[in-house]
Amino acid sequence: MNDFLLIPALALTTLFAAILVGLWSKRKTDEKLDDPDALKSSLAKDGPGPQPFR
């Protein structure tokens, strides 16, 4: 297999992997946003606040 086929194959594989990781991350974020028992961020207005020694 020469570079004519190898480079596009690697590029498409990388693009496909990045799309899958993005979709997985979005799903996990949406699940956390929908969970009422999830911990709030310390930066959120209604969160626990900064705890530098924790």
N, C-alpha and C. Protein backbone atom coordinates (compact mmCIF):
# COMPACT_ATOMS: atom_id res chain seq x y z
N MET A 1 0.85 -1.18 0.00
CA MET A 1 0.00 0.00 0.00
C MET A 1 0.90 1.24 0.00
N ASN A 2 0.63 2.13 -0.89
CA ASN A 2 1.46 3.32 -0.99
C ASN A 2 0.84 4.49 -0.22
N ASP A 3 1.54 5.61 -0.24
CA ASP A 3 1.08 6.78 0.50
C ASP A 3 -0.23 7.33 -0.04
N PHE A 4 -0.53 7.06 -1.30
CA PHE A 4 -1.75 7.55 -1.90
C PHE A 4 -2.99 7.04 -1.16
N LEU A 5 -2.93 5.85 -0.63
CA LEU A 5 -4.06 5.29 0.12
C LEU A 5 -3.87 5.37 1.64
N LEU A 6 -2.64 5.34 2.08
CA LEU A 6 -2.36 5.30 3.51
C LEU A 6 -2.74 6.61 4.20
N ILE A 7 -2.36 7.73 3.66
CA ILE A 7 -2.61 9.02 4.29
C ILE A 7 -4.12 9.30 4.42
N PRO A 8 -4.93 9.15 3.37
CA PRO A 8 -6.37 9.36 3.54
C PRO A 8 -7.01 8.36 4.52
N ALA A 9 -6.54 7.13 4.53
CA ALA A 9 -7.08 6.13 5.45
C ALA A 9 -6.79 6.52 6.90
N LEU A 10 -5.58 6.98 7.17
CA LEU A 10 -5.24 7.42 8.53
C LEU A 10 -6.02 8.67 8.91
N ALA A 11 -6.19 9.58 7.98
CA ALA A 11 -6.94 10.81 8.26
C ALA A 11 -8.40 10.49 8.57
N LEU A 12 -9.02 9.62 7.78
CA LEU A 12 -10.41 9.26 8.03
C LEU A 12 -10.58 8.48 9.32
N THR A 13 -9.63 7.62 9.64
CA THR A 13 -9.68 6.87 10.90
C THR A 13 -9.59 7.82 12.09
N THR A 14 -8.69 8.79 12.01
CA THR A 14 -8.54 9.77 13.08
C THR A 14 -9.81 10.62 13.22
N LEU A 15 -10.36 11.05 12.11
CA LEU A 15 -11.59 11.84 12.13
C LEU A 15 -12.73 11.03 12.75
N PHE A 16 -12.87 9.78 12.37
CA PHE A 16 -13.92 8.92 12.91
C PHE A 16 -13.73 8.72 14.42
N ALA A 17 -12.50 8.52 14.85
CA ALA A 17 -12.23 8.34 16.28
C ALA A 17 -12.56 9.61 17.06
N ALA A 18 -12.23 10.78 16.51
CA ALA A 18 -12.54 12.05 17.18
C ALA A 18 -14.05 12.26 17.28
N ILE A 19 -14.78 11.90 16.26
CA ILE A 19 -16.24 12.01 16.29
C ILE A 19 -16.82 11.09 17.35
N LEU A 20 -16.32 9.86 17.44
CA LEU A 20 -16.82 8.93 18.45
C LEU A 20 -16.54 9.43 19.86
N VAL A 21 -15.35 9.95 20.11
CA VAL A 21 -15.02 10.48 21.43
C VAL A 21 -15.91 11.68 21.76
N GLY A 22 -16.16 12.54 20.79
CA GLY A 22 -17.03 13.68 21.01
C GLY A 22 -18.45 13.27 21.34
N LEU A 23 -18.97 12.29 20.63
CA LEU A 23 -20.33 11.80 20.90
C LEU A 23 -20.42 11.14 22.27
N TRP A 24 -19.41 10.39 22.63
CA TRP A 24 -19.38 9.73 23.94
C TRP A 24 -19.34 10.78 25.05
N SER A 25 -18.51 11.80 24.88
CA SER A 25 -18.40 12.85 25.87
C SER A 25 -19.70 13.63 26.01
N LYS A 26 -20.36 13.90 24.88
CA LYS A 26 -21.64 14.61 24.92
C LYS A 26 -22.69 13.78 25.65
N ARG A 27 -22.72 12.49 25.41
CA ARG A 27 -23.69 11.63 26.09
C ARG A 27 -23.46 11.63 27.60
N LYS A 28 -22.20 11.54 28.02
CA LYS A 28 -21.88 11.53 29.45
C LYS A 28 -22.24 12.88 30.08
N THR A 29 -21.99 13.98 29.38
CA THR A 29 -22.33 15.31 29.89
C THR A 29 -23.84 15.46 30.02
N ASP A 30 -24.58 15.01 29.01
CA ASP A 30 -26.03 15.10 29.07
C ASP A 30 -26.59 14.26 30.21
N GLU A 31 -26.01 13.09 30.45
CA GLU A 31 -26.47 12.25 31.56
C GLU A 31 -26.22 12.95 32.89
N LYS A 32 -25.07 13.60 33.02
CA LYS A 32 -24.75 14.29 34.27
C LYS A 32 -25.66 15.51 34.46
N LEU A 33 -25.98 16.22 33.40
CA LEU A 33 -26.86 17.37 33.51
C LEU A 33 -28.28 16.95 33.89
N ASP A 34 -28.72 15.79 33.44
CA ASP A 34 -30.06 15.31 33.75
C ASP A 34 -30.17 14.68 35.13
N ASP A 35 -29.03 14.38 35.77
CA ASP A 35 -29.03 13.73 37.08
C ASP A 35 -29.18 14.79 38.18
N PRO A 36 -30.29 14.77 38.92
CA PRO A 36 -30.47 15.78 39.97
C PRO A 36 -29.54 15.57 41.16
N ASP A 37 -28.98 14.38 41.32
CA ASP A 37 -28.10 14.10 42.45
C ASP A 37 -26.62 14.34 42.13
N ALA A 38 -26.31 14.77 40.93
CA ALA A 38 -24.92 15.00 40.55
C ALA A 38 -24.38 16.21 41.31
N LEU A 39 -23.12 16.14 41.68
CA LEU A 39 -22.49 17.25 42.39
C LEU A 39 -22.38 18.46 41.47
N LYS A 40 -22.61 19.62 42.02
CA LYS A 40 -22.46 20.86 41.28
C LYS A 40 -20.97 21.22 41.22
N SER A 41 -20.62 21.96 40.21
CA SER A 41 -19.25 22.44 40.10
C SER A 41 -18.98 23.45 41.20
N SER A 42 -17.75 23.52 41.68
CA SER A 42 -17.40 24.52 42.69
C SER A 42 -17.43 25.92 42.09
N LEU A 43 -17.44 26.02 40.77
CA LEU A 43 -17.52 27.32 40.11
C LEU A 43 -18.97 27.73 39.84
N ALA A 44 -19.92 26.81 40.01
CA ALA A 44 -21.32 27.12 39.77
C ALA A 44 -21.84 28.06 40.86
N LYS A 45 -22.80 28.89 40.48
CA LYS A 45 -23.35 29.86 41.43
C LYS A 45 -24.00 29.15 42.62
N ASP A 46 -24.62 28.00 42.39
CA ASP A 46 -25.26 27.27 43.47
C ASP A 46 -24.42 26.08 43.94
N GLY A 47 -23.15 26.08 43.59
CA GLY A 47 -22.26 24.99 43.97
C GLY A 47 -21.72 25.16 45.38
N PRO A 48 -20.87 24.22 45.82
CA PRO A 48 -20.35 24.27 47.19
C PRO A 48 -19.32 25.35 47.43
N GLY A 49 -18.83 25.98 46.40
CA GLY A 49 -17.82 27.03 46.57
C GLY A 49 -16.42 26.45 46.52
N PRO A 50 -15.43 27.32 46.37
CA PRO A 50 -14.05 26.84 46.30
C PRO A 50 -13.58 26.28 47.64
N GLN A 51 -12.87 25.17 47.57
CA GLN A 51 -12.32 24.54 48.77
C GLN A 51 -10.84 24.25 48.48
N PRO A 52 -9.98 25.21 48.70
CA PRO A 52 -8.58 25.05 48.29
C PRO A 52 -7.82 23.97 49.03
N PHE A 53 -8.25 23.60 50.24
CA PHE A 53 -7.50 22.62 51.02
C PHE A 53 -8.16 21.25 51.02
N ARG A 54 -9.08 21.02 50.13
CA ARG A 54 -9.79 19.75 50.08
C ARG A 54 -9.08 18.75 49.24
